[in-house]
Amino acid sequence: MDKEFLETQLESCRQEHKNLDDELVSLLSSGAMDDLYIHRLKKKKLIIKDQIRIIESRLMTDIIA
């Protein structure tokens, strides 16, 4: 894949991960009790973290090759 495309995707994923983290912190500090919603946000955050690792791995492969 194109390196610029991967870098753009990586930055997008990182921003989405940060946004989810900010939302979780806000919900948890406000005492929100919607456990299902919080669980879904955490799961989505983990999925995005996995995507970040995959993209980083692809970028490292491009650097090595």
C-alpha atoms as a PDB file:
ATOM      1  CA  MET A   1       0.000   0.000   0.000  1.00  0.00           C
ATOM      2  CA  ASP A   2       0.975   3.597  -0.437  1.00  0.00           C
ATOM      3  CA  LYS A   3       3.005   4.924   2.499  1.00  0.00           C
ATOM      4  CA  GLU A   4       1.179   8.275   2.541  1.00  0.00           C
ATOM      5  CA  PHE A   5      -2.175   6.514   2.629  1.00  0.00           C
ATOM      6  CA  LEU A   6      -1.058   4.350   5.564  1.00  0.00           C
ATOM      7  CA  GLU A   7       0.264   7.383   7.433  1.00  0.00           C
ATOM      8  CA  THR A   8      -3.048   9.182   6.897  1.00  0.00           C
ATOM      9  CA  GLN A   9      -4.969   6.134   8.108  1.00  0.00           C
ATOM     10  CA  LEU A  10      -2.669   5.833  11.115  1.00  0.00           C
ATOM     11  CA  GLU A  11      -3.238   9.448  12.113  1.00  0.00           C
ATOM     12  CA  SER A  12      -6.992   9.048  11.661  1.00  0.00           C
ATOM     13  CA  CYS A  13      -7.035   5.937  13.859  1.00  0.00           C
ATOM     14  CA  ARG A  14      -4.921   7.621  16.513  1.00  0.00           C
ATOM     15  CA  GLN A  15      -7.280  10.594  16.599  1.00  0.00           C
ATOM     16  CA  GLU A  16     -10.342   8.352  16.850  1.00  0.00           C
ATOM     17  CA  HIS A  17      -8.657   6.366  19.640  1.00  0.00           C
ATOM     18  CA  LYS A  18      -7.934   9.599  21.535  1.00  0.00           C
ATOM     19  CA  ASN A  19     -11.505  10.818  21.054  1.00  0.00           C
ATOM     20  CA  LEU A  20     -12.880   7.557  22.444  1.00  0.00           C
ATOM     21  CA  ASP A  21     -10.478   7.754  25.371  1.00  0.00           C
ATOM     22  CA  ASP A  22     -11.589  11.321  26.109  1.00  0.00           C
ATOM     23  CA  GLU A  23     -15.236  10.281  25.948  1.00  0.00           C
ATOM     24  CA  LEU A  24     -14.634   7.340  28.290  1.00  0.00           C
ATOM     25  CA  VAL A  25     -12.806   9.521  30.804  1.00  0.00           C
ATOM     26  CA  SER A  26     -15.637  12.027  30.685  1.00  0.00           C
ATOM     27  CA  LEU A  27     -18.320   9.371  31.157  1.00  0.00           C
ATOM     28  CA  LEU A  28     -16.501   7.622  33.978  1.00  0.00           C
ATOM     29  CA  SER A  29     -15.694  10.841  35.820  1.00  0.00           C
ATOM     30  CA  SER A  30     -19.287  12.036  35.554  1.00  0.00           C
ATOM     31  CA  GLY A  31     -20.541   8.843  37.178  1.00  0.00           C
ATOM     32  CA  ALA A  32     -22.434   7.693  34.103  1.00  0.00           C
ATOM     33  CA  MET A  33     -23.896   4.277  34.742  1.00  0.00           C
ATOM     34  CA  ASP A  34     -24.576   3.106  31.200  1.00  0.00           C
ATOM     35  CA  ASP A  35     -22.353   0.044  31.463  1.00  0.00           C
ATOM     36  CA  LEU A  36     -23.314  -1.328  28.059  1.00  0.00           C
ATOM     37  CA  TYR A  37     -22.387   1.907  26.279  1.00  0.00           C
ATOM     38  CA  ILE A  38     -19.100   2.132  28.193  1.00  0.00           C
ATOM     39  CA  HIS A  39     -18.331  -1.497  27.314  1.00  0.00           C
ATOM     40  CA  ARG A  40     -19.007  -0.796  23.623  1.00  0.00           C
ATOM     41  CA  LEU A  41     -16.712   2.239  23.675  1.00  0.00           C
ATOM     42  CA  LYS A  42     -13.947   0.200  25.302  1.00  0.00           C
ATOM     43  CA  LYS A  43     -14.345  -2.566  22.742  1.00  0.00           C
ATOM     44  CA  LYS A  44     -14.271  -0.078  19.866  1.00  0.00           C
ATOM     45  CA  LYS A  45     -11.159   1.496  21.376  1.00  0.00           C
ATOM     46  CA  LEU A  46      -9.435  -1.917  21.472  1.00  0.00           C
ATOM     47  CA  ILE A  47     -10.379  -2.607  17.846  1.00  0.00           C
ATOM     48  CA  ILE A  48      -8.899   0.717  16.794  1.00  0.00           C
ATOM     49  CA  LYS A  49      -5.751   0.007  18.804  1.00  0.00           C
ATOM     50  CA  ASP A  50      -5.390  -3.258  16.871  1.00  0.00           C
ATOM     51  CA  GLN A  51      -5.808  -1.353  13.598  1.00  0.00           C
ATOM     52  CA  ILE A  52      -3.093   1.077  14.701  1.00  0.00           C
ATOM     53  CA  ARG A  53      -0.712  -1.817  15.382  1.00  0.00           C
ATOM     54  CA  ILE A  54      -1.447  -3.373  11.979  1.00  0.00           C
ATOM     55  CA  ILE A  55      -0.798  -0.098  10.167  1.00  0.00           C
ATOM     56  CA  GLU A  56       2.389   0.522  12.159  1.00  0.00           C
ATOM     57  CA  SER A  57       3.552  -2.979  11.269  1.00  0.00           C
ATOM     58  CA  ARG A  58       2.930  -2.346   7.576  1.00  0.00           C
ATOM     59  CA  LEU A  59       4.803   0.936   7.761  1.00  0.00           C
ATOM     60  CA  MET A  60       7.762  -0.770   9.473  1.00  0.00           C
ATOM     61  CA  THR A  61       7.786  -3.424   6.739  1.00  0.00           C
ATOM     62  CA  ASP A  62       7.995  -0.655   4.137  1.00  0.00           C
ATOM     63  CA  ILE A  63      10.940   0.920   5.959  1.00  0.00           C
ATOM     64  CA  ILE A  64      12.825  -2.383   6.249  1.00  0.00           C
ATOM     65  CA  ALA A  65      12.189  -3.393   2.624  1.00  0.00           C
END
